[in-house]
C-alpha cells in the first residue's frame, strides 16, 4: 500500500507563516484513507499518516472509498462558513462511477 505524502509535512509554522493568518491546506485525499486523524478500527489509514501541522482539521468529509480534494484548516470558523446551509453558496461536484448508475 503506498505511503501518504504531502508537501506540508515539514512546514514550520513559526518560521514560515504568520500565526495571525489562518492556515488552509488543499490536499488530495487518496482512496482508502479515513477523513479524520484517529482510526475507528485498528489498521485503518487516517490523515495522521500525512504529517500535517498540529491543530489543522478537515473542512468537510470524503468517504474512505473516495479520493479527491480535501481542505484542512486551523481556523475554527472556516468549516462553518463553507458548509452551513444558511450561508448558501454555489458548489460543483464531479464524480466518476464504475458501471451504470441504477435506481435504488
Protein backbone atom coordinates (compact mmCIF):
# COMPACT_ATOMS: atom_id res chain seq x y z
CA UNK A 1 0.00 0.00 0.00
CA UNK A 2 1.52 3.40 -0.94
CA UNK A 3 2.52 5.77 1.81
CA UNK A 4 0.78 9.11 2.18
CA UNK A 5 2.87 12.07 1.16
CA UNK A 6 2.30 15.76 1.48
CA UNK A 7 4.31 18.87 0.78
CA UNK A 8 3.24 20.47 4.06
CA UNK A 9 4.58 17.73 6.32
CA UNK A 10 7.69 19.74 7.14
CA UNK A 11 6.07 23.17 7.39
CA UNK A 12 7.33 25.03 10.44
CA UNK A 13 4.53 27.44 11.31
CA UNK A 14 6.68 29.69 13.47
CA UNK A 15 9.38 30.07 10.83
CA UNK A 16 7.30 30.27 7.65
CA UNK A 17 3.84 31.55 8.49
CA UNK A 18 2.26 34.43 10.36
CA UNK A 19 0.39 32.85 13.31
CA UNK A 20 -2.32 35.52 12.96
CA UNK A 21 -3.26 34.28 9.49
CA UNK A 22 -5.35 31.13 9.08
CA UNK A 23 -3.63 28.12 7.57
CA UNK A 24 -5.59 26.42 4.77
CA UNK A 25 -4.22 23.30 3.08
CA UNK A 26 -5.52 21.83 -0.18
CA UNK A 27 -4.83 18.08 -0.07
CA UNK A 28 -5.61 15.24 -2.48
CA UNK A 29 -7.03 12.56 -0.16
CA UNK A 30 -6.27 9.13 -1.55
CA UNK A 31 -8.66 6.20 -1.75
CA UNK A 32 -8.75 4.05 1.39
CA UNK A 33 -7.92 6.81 3.88
CA UNK A 34 -10.34 7.99 6.57
CA UNK A 35 -11.08 11.70 6.53
CA UNK A 36 -10.04 12.04 10.19
CA UNK A 37 -6.91 11.77 12.31
CA UNK A 38 -7.84 8.80 14.51
CA UNK A 39 -8.98 5.38 13.26
CA UNK A 40 -12.41 3.97 14.04
CA UNK A 41 -10.97 0.45 13.89
CA UNK A 42 -7.42 -0.92 14.21
CA UNK A 43 -5.47 -0.86 10.96
CA UNK A 44 -7.43 1.92 9.27
CA UNK A 45 -5.40 4.56 7.44
CA UNK A 46 -6.02 8.16 8.53
CA UNK A 47 -4.91 11.71 7.75
CA UNK A 48 -2.39 11.41 10.63
CA UNK A 49 -0.11 9.48 8.24
CA UNK A 50 0.36 12.59 6.09
CA UNK A 51 2.15 14.56 8.82
CA UNK A 52 0.08 17.73 8.71
CA UNK A 53 0.95 20.60 11.07
CA UNK A 54 -0.65 20.49 14.51
CA UNK A 55 -4.16 21.85 15.02
CA UNK A 56 -5.47 21.51 11.45
CA UNK A 57 -8.82 19.86 10.88
CA UNK A 58 -10.64 18.65 7.77
CA UNK A 59 -13.19 21.03 6.28
CA UNK A 60 -15.95 18.68 5.18
CA UNK A 61 -15.55 14.97 4.57
CA UNK A 62 -14.82 12.45 1.87
CA UNK A 63 -15.78 8.79 2.27
CA UNK A 64 -12.95 6.33 2.85
CA UNK A 65 -13.77 4.88 -0.59
CA UNK A 66 -13.45 8.31 -2.24
CA UNK A 67 -10.45 10.31 -3.33
CA UNK A 68 -10.16 13.97 -4.17
CA UNK A 69 -9.69 17.49 -2.87
CA UNK A 70 -9.91 17.92 0.87
CA UNK A 71 -9.36 21.25 2.58
CA UNK A 72 -7.81 21.39 6.05
CA UNK A 73 -7.58 24.49 8.21
CA UNK A 74 -6.57 25.64 11.66
CA UNK A 75 -9.31 28.29 11.74
CA UNK A 76 -12.36 27.12 13.69
CA UNK A 77 -14.94 29.17 11.74
CA UNK A 78 -13.75 28.16 8.27
CA UNK A 79 -15.72 24.90 8.24
CA UNK A 80 -18.88 26.72 9.38
CA UNK A 81 -18.59 29.43 6.70
CA UNK A 82 -18.16 26.88 3.91
CA UNK A 83 -20.66 24.22 4.95
CA UNK A 84 -23.51 25.88 6.89
CA UNK A 85 -26.67 25.73 4.72
CA UNK A 86 -27.69 29.18 5.98
CA UNK A 87 -24.57 30.61 4.30
CA UNK A 88 -25.51 29.10 0.94
CA UNK A 89 -23.07 29.37 -1.97
CA UNK A 90 -22.73 27.51 -5.29
CA UNK A 91 -20.87 24.19 -5.37
CA UNK A 92 -19.86 21.95 -8.23
CA UNK A 93 -19.09 18.26 -7.82
CA UNK A 94 -17.60 15.90 -10.37
CA UNK A 95 -17.85 12.16 -9.83
CA UNK A 96 -16.75 9.06 -11.64
CA UNK A 97 -18.59 5.79 -11.02
CA UNK A 98 -17.93 2.23 -12.09
CA UNK A 99 -20.71 0.66 -14.08
CA UNK A 100 -24.05 2.23 -14.89
CA UNK A 101 -25.92 4.07 -12.13
CA UNK A 102 -29.19 2.35 -11.33
CA UNK A 103 -32.33 3.06 -9.39
CA UNK A 104 -32.45 2.36 -5.67
